[in-house]
């Protein structure tokens, strides 16, 4: 039987834009009270107003996911405002384009602090609460390219792969306790993520180097997440061709190398 989401609260970290915002709107439309978390309060308040205008329930809570204490406070405040959580979505993150050998240790640590340790802060704190109730759902926003490292995006891909592995392990650790854990693997998504990536990058942009067939709107990801909340599963994919291609390239490394060499050549042309 599918889970009836009406009245089941969810906390979303990274809810101010992109996939987080789209997911918040979709969850509210499904009847879930939503706690919106991010650093940019003005953006969160705009999302909350949109939800409230549509008849939904949303609360705004500022949080820096790299701070464990703030993640604790985020979920404390969420449960105080909208009730015991059914789900938490660790979605905050960023990326940039730069060869690994040109990436400073400071930049490498920063992307891991936000993307990986920020995810772990939200997921662990949420799991502690859900374990007490023996029910609930933790979602982690990884990426399709968490399955295969892309030239120029080694740091980003490494964080996404780490999220995937942690999520997979947690799924089996928490399943006996009645808690579902799912990792989300979007393809390129039209959000301000790419604007931020371009600002932080030494050259071009992943979105400029990605075929249009592999670019989607954030609402597509949000719909897939809602489907997973209703019928929990290990991984959420929004493109079957992408999943099939990455599985094939991982199975046949030489074929993968040919594909990545072609990607690297296109990348070099864009960056000239």
Protein backbone atom coordinates (compact mmCIF):
# COMPACT_ATOMS: atom_id res chain seq x y z
CA UNK A 1 0.00 0.00 0.00
CA UNK A 2 1.34 3.48 -0.82
CA UNK A 3 2.08 5.82 2.07
CA UNK A 4 -0.59 8.50 2.58
CA UNK A 5 1.53 11.66 2.81
CA UNK A 6 -1.24 13.96 4.01
CA UNK A 7 -0.33 15.49 7.36
CA UNK A 8 3.13 13.87 7.43
CA UNK A 9 5.79 16.56 8.08
CA UNK A 10 9.04 16.79 6.12
CA UNK A 11 12.17 18.90 6.70
CA UNK A 12 14.13 19.93 3.61
CA UNK A 13 17.68 21.29 3.86
CA UNK A 14 18.62 23.35 0.81
CA UNK A 15 15.01 24.37 0.19
CA UNK A 16 15.63 27.93 -1.03
CA UNK A 17 15.95 27.10 -4.74
CA UNK A 18 16.23 24.41 -7.39
CA UNK A 19 15.43 20.82 -6.48
CA UNK A 20 14.86 21.69 -2.82
CA UNK A 21 12.32 24.38 -3.65
CA UNK A 22 10.52 22.23 -6.23
CA UNK A 23 10.39 19.34 -3.77
CA UNK A 24 9.02 21.59 -1.03
CA UNK A 25 6.22 22.78 -3.33
CA UNK A 26 5.43 19.21 -4.42
CA UNK A 27 5.39 17.93 -0.84
CA UNK A 28 3.05 20.73 0.21
CA UNK A 29 0.74 19.95 -2.71
CA UNK A 30 0.72 16.33 -1.51
CA UNK A 31 -0.51 17.54 1.88
CA UNK A 32 2.77 17.45 3.81
CA UNK A 33 3.63 20.26 6.23
CA UNK A 34 7.11 21.46 5.20
CA UNK A 35 10.02 22.88 7.20
CA UNK A 36 12.20 24.90 4.82
CA UNK A 37 15.89 25.08 5.74
CA UNK A 38 18.78 27.01 4.12
CA UNK A 39 21.03 29.99 4.79
CA UNK A 40 19.12 32.53 2.64
CA UNK A 41 16.09 33.51 4.69
CA UNK A 42 14.64 35.82 2.05
CA UNK A 43 14.57 32.98 -0.50
CA UNK A 44 13.00 30.62 2.04
CA UNK A 45 10.31 33.14 2.89
CA UNK A 46 9.41 33.47 -0.79
CA UNK A 47 9.01 29.68 -1.04
CA UNK A 48 6.93 29.64 2.16
CA UNK A 49 4.61 32.35 0.79
CA UNK A 50 4.09 30.38 -2.41
CA UNK A 51 3.20 27.26 -0.41
CA UNK A 52 0.88 29.18 1.90
CA UNK A 53 -0.87 30.88 -1.01
CA UNK A 54 -1.66 27.41 -2.35
CA UNK A 55 -3.15 26.38 1.00
CA UNK A 56 -0.15 24.46 2.32
CA UNK A 57 1.81 24.67 5.57
CA UNK A 58 5.42 25.85 5.59
CA UNK A 59 7.82 27.19 8.22
CA UNK A 60 11.14 28.92 7.59
CA UNK A 61 14.27 27.97 9.57
CA UNK A 62 17.75 29.24 8.77
CA UNK A 63 20.41 26.52 8.85
CA UNK A 64 24.02 26.05 7.80
CA UNK A 65 24.32 22.30 7.21
CA UNK A 66 28.06 22.35 7.95
CA UNK A 67 27.16 23.13 11.57
CA UNK A 68 25.98 20.08 13.49
CA UNK A 69 24.42 22.24 16.19
CA UNK A 70 22.43 24.17 13.61
CA UNK A 71 21.15 20.94 12.06
CA UNK A 72 19.99 19.83 15.51
CA UNK A 73 18.30 23.21 16.00
CA UNK A 74 16.74 23.00 12.52
CA UNK A 75 15.03 19.70 13.23
CA UNK A 76 14.13 20.75 16.79
CA UNK A 77 12.42 23.85 15.43
CA UNK A 78 10.77 21.88 12.61
CA UNK A 79 9.24 19.39 15.00
CA UNK A 80 8.20 22.17 17.34
CA UNK A 81 6.38 23.96 14.51
CA UNK A 82 4.91 21.19 12.36
CA UNK A 83 5.10 18.05 14.51
CA UNK A 84 7.16 14.84 14.59
CA UNK A 85 8.91 14.40 11.26
CA UNK A 86 8.01 11.67 8.82
CA UNK A 87 10.88 12.54 6.46
CA UNK A 88 14.03 14.61 6.05
CA UNK A 89 15.68 15.52 2.74
CA UNK A 90 19.40 16.37 2.75
CA UNK A 91 19.67 18.43 -0.42
CA UNK A 92 22.08 21.33 0.22
CA UNK A 93 25.16 21.38 -2.00
CA UNK A 94 27.20 23.06 -4.72
CA UNK A 95 29.69 22.22 -7.46
CA UNK A 96 32.46 23.67 -9.59
CA UNK A 97 34.54 22.79 -12.64
CA UNK A 98 38.25 22.47 -12.03
CA UNK A 99 40.82 19.70 -12.59
CA UNK A 100 41.66 17.82 -9.40
CA UNK A 101 45.34 18.78 -9.61
CA UNK A 102 44.34 22.47 -9.73
CA UNK A 103 41.86 22.27 -6.85
CA UNK A 104 43.19 23.71 -3.60
CA UNK A 105 42.82 21.73 -0.41
CA UNK A 106 40.68 24.57 0.95
CA UNK A 107 38.24 24.24 -1.96
CA UNK A 108 38.28 20.44 -1.70
CA UNK A 109 37.53 20.57 2.02
CA UNK A 110 34.78 23.15 1.51
CA UNK A 111 32.88 21.05 -1.03
CA UNK A 112 33.12 17.99 1.20
CA UNK A 113 32.04 20.00 4.25
CA UNK A 114 28.86 21.14 2.49
CA UNK A 115 27.96 18.26 0.19
CA UNK A 116 29.09 15.27 2.22
CA UNK A 117 29.43 16.25 5.87
CA UNK A 118 26.43 18.57 5.56
CA UNK A 119 24.40 15.62 4.28
CA UNK A 120 25.70 13.45 7.12
CA UNK A 121 24.76 16.10 9.69
CA UNK A 122 21.16 16.19 8.45
CA UNK A 123 20.82 12.44 7.90
CA UNK A 124 22.30 11.38 11.24
CA UNK A 125 20.33 13.92 13.27
CA UNK A 126 17.12 12.92 11.47
CA UNK A 127 17.84 9.21 11.94
CA UNK A 128 18.25 9.66 15.69
CA UNK A 129 14.70 11.00 15.89
CA UNK A 130 13.15 8.48 13.52
CA UNK A 131 14.74 5.54 15.34
CA UNK A 132 12.80 6.48 18.47
CA UNK A 133 9.54 6.20 16.49
CA UNK A 134 10.57 3.18 14.41
CA UNK A 135 9.30 4.84 11.24
CA UNK A 136 10.20 7.52 8.72
CA UNK A 137 12.20 8.27 5.62
CA UNK A 138 15.59 9.89 5.01
CA UNK A 139 16.39 11.12 1.48
CA UNK A 140 19.82 12.18 0.23
CA UNK A 141 20.35 14.16 -2.99
CA UNK A 142 23.29 12.51 -4.74
CA UNK A 143 23.61 12.73 -8.53
CA UNK A 144 23.70 10.55 -11.63
CA UNK A 145 27.40 11.45 -11.91
CA UNK A 146 27.96 10.12 -8.42
CA UNK A 147 28.16 6.81 -10.30
CA UNK A 148 31.04 7.89 -12.58
CA UNK A 149 33.65 10.62 -12.20
CA UNK A 150 33.62 13.29 -14.91
CA UNK A 151 36.75 15.16 -16.04
CA UNK A 152 36.79 18.59 -14.44
CA UNK A 153 34.24 17.58 -11.83
CA UNK A 154 36.29 15.13 -9.78
CA UNK A 155 35.67 16.94 -6.49
CA UNK A 156 31.92 17.22 -7.03
CA UNK A 157 31.59 13.63 -8.24
CA UNK A 158 33.57 12.39 -5.24
CA UNK A 159 31.13 14.05 -2.84
CA UNK A 160 28.16 12.63 -4.73
CA UNK A 161 29.66 9.13 -4.72
CA UNK A 162 30.29 9.43 -0.99
CA UNK A 163 26.65 10.44 -0.44
CA UNK A 164 25.49 7.44 -2.45
CA UNK A 165 27.62 4.98 -0.47
CA UNK A 166 26.62 6.43 2.88
CA UNK A 167 22.95 6.40 1.89
CA UNK A 168 23.14 2.81 0.69
CA UNK A 169 24.78 1.67 3.92
CA UNK A 170 22.26 3.57 6.04
CA UNK A 171 19.39 2.00 4.13
CA UNK A 172 20.38 -1.47 5.26
CA UNK A 173 21.35 -0.36 8.76
CA UNK A 174 18.05 1.41 9.41
CA UNK A 175 15.65 -0.86 7.52
CA UNK A 176 15.28 -3.27 10.48
CA UNK A 177 14.30 -0.24 12.57
CA UNK A 178 11.44 0.67 10.24
CA UNK A 179 13.21 3.58 8.52
CA UNK A 180 13.63 3.97 4.76
CA UNK A 181 16.70 5.64 3.25
CA UNK A 182 16.78 6.66 -0.42
CA UNK A 183 19.40 8.36 -2.57
CA UNK A 184 18.28 10.69 -5.38
CA UNK A 185 20.23 10.69 -8.67
CA UNK A 186 19.16 13.57 -10.94
CA UNK A 187 20.69 14.25 -14.32
CA UNK A 188 21.52 17.86 -15.23
CA UNK A 189 18.78 20.04 -13.77
CA UNK A 190 17.93 23.61 -14.77
CA UNK A 191 18.55 25.46 -11.50
CA UNK A 192 20.80 28.23 -10.16
CA UNK A 193 23.21 25.42 -9.20
CA UNK A 194 24.85 25.96 -12.58
CA UNK A 195 25.12 29.71 -12.08
CA UNK A 196 26.94 29.10 -8.81
CA UNK A 197 29.11 26.42 -10.42
CA UNK A 198 30.07 28.82 -13.21
CA UNK A 199 30.95 31.51 -10.67
CA UNK A 200 33.22 29.12 -8.79
CA UNK A 201 34.78 27.50 -11.85
CA UNK A 202 37.97 28.01 -13.82
CA UNK A 203 36.26 27.45 -17.16
CA UNK A 204 32.97 26.47 -18.79
CA UNK A 205 29.88 24.91 -17.34
CA UNK A 206 28.65 21.34 -17.12
CA UNK A 207 25.24 22.41 -18.38
CA UNK A 208 26.87 23.83 -21.56
CA UNK A 209 28.65 20.52 -22.08
CA UNK A 210 25.59 18.32 -21.55
CA UNK A 211 23.25 17.20 -24.36
CA UNK A 212 19.76 18.69 -24.05
CA UNK A 213 18.33 15.19 -23.70
CA UNK A 214 20.12 14.98 -20.33
CA UNK A 215 18.81 18.28 -18.94
CA UNK A 216 15.53 18.40 -17.02
CA UNK A 217 13.47 20.81 -14.90
CA UNK A 218 13.61 20.51 -11.09
CA UNK A 219 9.90 19.69 -11.04
CA UNK A 220 10.71 16.36 -12.72
CA UNK A 221 12.98 15.46 -9.80
CA UNK A 222 10.37 16.62 -7.28
CA UNK A 223 7.71 14.36 -8.80
CA UNK A 224 10.07 11.39 -8.58
CA UNK A 225 10.79 12.18 -4.93
CA UNK A 226 7.06 12.30 -4.14
CA UNK A 227 6.66 8.92 -5.83
CA UNK A 228 9.49 7.56 -3.65
CA UNK A 229 7.94 8.97 -0.48
CA UNK A 230 4.71 7.18 -1.37
CA UNK A 231 6.43 3.94 -2.36
CA UNK A 232 9.94 3.92 -0.81
CA UNK A 233 12.82 2.49 -2.81
CA UNK A 234 16.61 2.52 -2.62
CA UNK A 235 17.36 4.93 -5.47
CA UNK A 236 15.41 7.66 -7.24
CA UNK A 237 16.35 8.11 -10.91
CA UNK A 238 14.74 10.62 -13.21
CA UNK A 239 16.16 9.32 -16.48
CA UNK A 240 16.17 5.64 -17.42
CA UNK A 241 18.52 6.20 -20.41
CA UNK A 242 21.01 7.94 -18.10
CA UNK A 243 20.82 5.13 -15.56
CA UNK A 244 21.26 2.50 -18.27
CA UNK A 245 24.17 4.37 -19.87
CA UNK A 246 26.02 4.87 -16.59
CA UNK A 247 25.48 1.24 -15.63
CA UNK A 248 26.85 0.11 -19.00
CA UNK A 249 29.88 2.41 -18.85
CA UNK A 250 30.66 1.26 -15.32
CA UNK A 251 30.45 -2.38 -16.41
CA UNK A 252 32.72 -1.79 -19.41
CA UNK A 253 35.51 0.58 -18.28
CA UNK A 254 37.15 0.88 -21.72
CA UNK A 255 33.86 2.02 -23.21
CA UNK A 256 33.56 4.44 -20.31
CA UNK A 257 37.01 5.82 -21.06
CA UNK A 258 36.04 6.49 -24.69
CA UNK A 259 32.94 8.38 -23.56
CA UNK A 260 34.88 10.41 -21.00
CA UNK A 261 37.61 11.24 -23.52
CA UNK A 262 34.94 12.67 -25.81
CA UNK A 263 33.44 14.65 -22.92
CA UNK A 264 36.90 16.04 -22.05
CA UNK A 265 37.47 17.18 -25.66
CA UNK A 266 34.12 19.01 -25.75
CA UNK A 267 34.97 20.56 -22.40
CA UNK A 268 38.30 21.87 -23.73
CA UNK A 269 36.59 23.44 -26.76
CA UNK A 270 34.05 25.22 -24.52
CA UNK A 271 36.80 26.51 -22.22
CA UNK A 272 38.91 28.03 -24.99
